[in-house]
N, C-alpha and C. Protein backbone atom coordinates (compact mmCIF):
# COMPACT_ATOMS: atom_id res chain seq x y z
N MET A 1 110.10 207.85 231.39
CA MET A 1 110.08 209.07 230.60
C MET A 1 108.74 209.25 229.93
N LYS A 2 108.37 210.47 229.89
CA LYS A 2 107.12 210.83 229.29
C LYS A 2 107.32 211.40 227.88
N GLU A 3 106.53 210.92 226.92
CA GLU A 3 106.67 211.44 225.55
C GLU A 3 106.03 212.80 225.44
N GLU A 4 106.69 213.68 224.70
CA GLU A 4 106.14 215.02 224.47
C GLU A 4 105.12 214.94 223.34
N ARG A 5 103.99 215.62 223.55
CA ARG A 5 103.01 215.68 222.47
C ARG A 5 103.41 216.70 221.43
N LYS A 6 103.36 216.35 220.20
CA LYS A 6 103.68 217.28 219.14
C LYS A 6 102.39 217.88 218.60
N ILE A 7 102.38 219.18 218.45
CA ILE A 7 101.19 219.86 217.94
C ILE A 7 101.38 220.05 216.45
N ASP A 8 100.41 219.67 215.67
CA ASP A 8 100.46 219.78 214.24
C ASP A 8 99.76 221.06 213.79
N PHE A 9 100.57 222.10 213.57
CA PHE A 9 99.98 223.38 213.17
C PHE A 9 99.58 223.38 211.68
N LYS A 10 100.18 222.55 210.88
CA LYS A 10 99.85 222.50 209.48
C LYS A 10 98.44 222.00 209.22
N ARG A 11 97.88 221.33 210.21
CA ARG A 11 96.51 220.82 210.08
C ARG A 11 95.51 221.97 210.02
N HIS A 12 95.85 223.12 210.63
CA HIS A 12 94.92 224.23 210.69
C HIS A 12 95.15 225.29 209.63
N THR A 13 96.11 225.12 208.76
CA THR A 13 96.38 226.08 207.71
C THR A 13 95.56 225.74 206.47
N SER A 14 95.35 226.76 205.60
CA SER A 14 94.65 226.53 204.35
C SER A 14 95.62 225.91 203.33
N PRO A 15 95.08 225.17 202.40
CA PRO A 15 95.97 224.55 201.41
C PRO A 15 96.59 225.64 200.50
N PRO A 16 97.77 225.40 199.95
CA PRO A 16 98.38 226.37 199.07
C PRO A 16 97.60 226.59 197.79
N VAL A 17 97.63 227.82 197.28
CA VAL A 17 96.92 228.14 196.06
C VAL A 17 97.91 228.29 194.92
N SER A 18 97.37 228.19 193.71
CA SER A 18 98.26 228.29 192.53
C SER A 18 98.60 229.72 192.25
N ARG A 19 99.65 229.90 191.45
CA ARG A 19 100.05 231.25 191.07
C ARG A 19 99.02 231.93 190.18
N MET A 20 98.33 231.15 189.39
CA MET A 20 97.30 231.73 188.51
C MET A 20 96.18 232.35 189.32
N TYR A 21 95.81 231.71 190.41
CA TYR A 21 94.80 232.22 191.29
C TYR A 21 95.24 233.56 191.89
N LEU A 22 96.50 233.59 192.35
CA LEU A 22 97.01 234.83 192.91
C LEU A 22 97.09 235.94 191.88
N LEU A 23 97.46 235.61 190.65
CA LEU A 23 97.50 236.63 189.58
C LEU A 23 96.12 237.17 189.29
N LYS A 24 95.09 236.32 189.31
CA LYS A 24 93.74 236.75 189.08
C LYS A 24 93.27 237.70 190.20
N VAL A 25 93.62 237.39 191.42
CA VAL A 25 93.21 238.22 192.53
C VAL A 25 93.88 239.59 192.41
N VAL A 26 95.19 239.60 192.09
CA VAL A 26 95.92 240.87 191.94
C VAL A 26 95.32 241.67 190.79
N PHE A 27 94.99 241.00 189.67
CA PHE A 27 94.41 241.70 188.52
C PHE A 27 93.08 242.33 188.89
N TYR A 28 92.21 241.60 189.60
CA TYR A 28 90.90 242.14 189.96
C TYR A 28 91.03 243.32 190.96
N VAL A 29 91.98 243.22 191.85
CA VAL A 29 92.18 244.33 192.80
C VAL A 29 92.68 245.57 192.05
N LEU A 30 93.60 245.38 191.11
CA LEU A 30 94.06 246.52 190.31
C LEU A 30 92.97 247.13 189.47
N MET A 31 92.17 246.31 188.86
CA MET A 31 91.05 246.84 188.05
C MET A 31 90.04 247.57 188.90
N LEU A 32 89.76 247.07 190.07
CA LEU A 32 88.83 247.76 191.00
C LEU A 32 89.45 249.08 191.43
N GLY A 33 90.73 249.14 191.67
CA GLY A 33 91.41 250.40 192.03
C GLY A 33 91.36 251.43 190.91
N VAL A 34 91.59 250.98 189.67
CA VAL A 34 91.57 251.91 188.53
C VAL A 34 90.18 252.43 188.28
N LEU A 35 89.18 251.57 188.35
CA LEU A 35 87.81 251.98 188.13
C LEU A 35 87.34 252.94 189.22
N SER A 36 87.70 252.68 190.46
CA SER A 36 87.30 253.59 191.53
C SER A 36 88.01 254.93 191.40
N TYR A 37 89.24 254.93 190.90
CA TYR A 37 89.98 256.17 190.70
C TYR A 37 89.25 257.04 189.68
N PHE A 38 88.84 256.43 188.55
CA PHE A 38 88.19 257.22 187.53
C PHE A 38 86.78 257.66 187.94
N LEU A 39 86.12 256.90 188.79
CA LEU A 39 84.78 257.29 189.25
C LEU A 39 84.83 258.42 190.23
N PHE A 40 85.82 258.43 191.12
CA PHE A 40 85.81 259.38 192.23
C PHE A 40 86.79 260.54 192.07
N LYS A 41 87.58 260.55 191.02
CA LYS A 41 88.50 261.70 190.85
C LYS A 41 87.75 262.93 190.42
N PRO A 42 88.15 264.08 190.89
CA PRO A 42 87.48 265.32 190.43
C PRO A 42 87.83 265.60 188.98
N SER A 43 86.86 266.00 188.24
CA SER A 43 87.08 266.27 186.80
C SER A 43 87.84 267.58 186.68
N SER A 44 88.92 267.58 185.92
CA SER A 44 89.74 268.75 185.76
C SER A 44 89.19 269.64 184.62
N LYS A 45 88.37 269.12 183.76
CA LYS A 45 87.82 269.89 182.64
C LYS A 45 86.35 270.13 182.83
N LYS A 46 86.01 270.82 183.88
CA LYS A 46 84.59 271.10 184.10
C LYS A 46 84.22 272.28 183.19
N GLN A 47 83.16 272.11 182.47
CA GLN A 47 82.70 273.18 181.58
C GLN A 47 81.52 273.90 182.22
N ARG A 48 81.64 275.19 182.26
CA ARG A 48 80.54 275.97 182.80
C ARG A 48 79.51 276.18 181.66
N ILE A 49 78.28 276.06 182.02
CA ILE A 49 77.21 276.22 181.05
C ILE A 49 76.87 277.73 181.03
N LYS A 50 77.08 278.33 179.86
CA LYS A 50 76.75 279.75 179.72
C LYS A 50 75.30 279.86 179.29
N PRO A 51 74.62 280.86 179.81
CA PRO A 51 73.26 281.07 179.31
C PRO A 51 73.28 281.47 177.85
N GLU A 52 72.29 281.00 177.14
CA GLU A 52 72.27 281.25 175.70
C GLU A 52 72.14 282.76 175.45
N GLU A 53 72.95 283.21 174.56
CA GLU A 53 72.90 284.62 174.20
C GLU A 53 71.78 284.81 173.18
N ILE A 54 71.02 285.89 173.37
CA ILE A 54 69.94 286.17 172.43
C ILE A 54 70.52 287.08 171.33
N LYS A 55 70.47 286.58 170.14
CA LYS A 55 70.99 287.36 169.00
C LYS A 55 69.80 287.98 168.29
N GLU A 56 69.93 289.22 167.99
CA GLU A 56 68.87 289.93 167.35
C GLU A 56 69.04 289.90 165.84
N ILE A 57 68.00 289.56 165.16
CA ILE A 57 68.02 289.54 163.70
C ILE A 57 67.31 290.81 163.23
N SER A 58 68.02 291.56 162.45
CA SER A 58 67.41 292.82 161.94
C SER A 58 67.33 292.77 160.44
N ASN A 59 66.52 293.67 159.90
CA ASN A 59 66.35 293.84 158.47
C ASN A 59 65.70 292.65 157.81
N ILE A 60 64.84 291.94 158.52
CA ILE A 60 64.12 290.79 157.93
C ILE A 60 62.64 291.00 158.26
N GLN A 61 61.81 290.78 157.25
CA GLN A 61 60.38 290.89 157.47
C GLN A 61 59.77 289.53 157.34
N ILE A 62 58.87 289.19 158.27
CA ILE A 62 58.19 287.92 158.26
C ILE A 62 56.76 288.22 157.80
N GLY A 63 56.31 287.54 156.77
CA GLY A 63 54.96 287.73 156.23
C GLY A 63 54.90 288.99 155.40
N GLN A 64 53.70 289.26 154.91
CA GLN A 64 53.57 290.44 154.05
C GLN A 64 52.60 291.41 154.53
């Protein structure tokens, strides 16, 4: 009888990470999403710049 070779797939996997590491990754992804949302969202309160109105001052004399 011939022995079957067993393949060790666990040898090729990455070691498990801690929950704190996963929480940090999720936190950074969320922060990146929030920042990109605020940077790229269209501003709803766009203010139009009005040309300055020229006001006329009357009944004033400058100099003598």
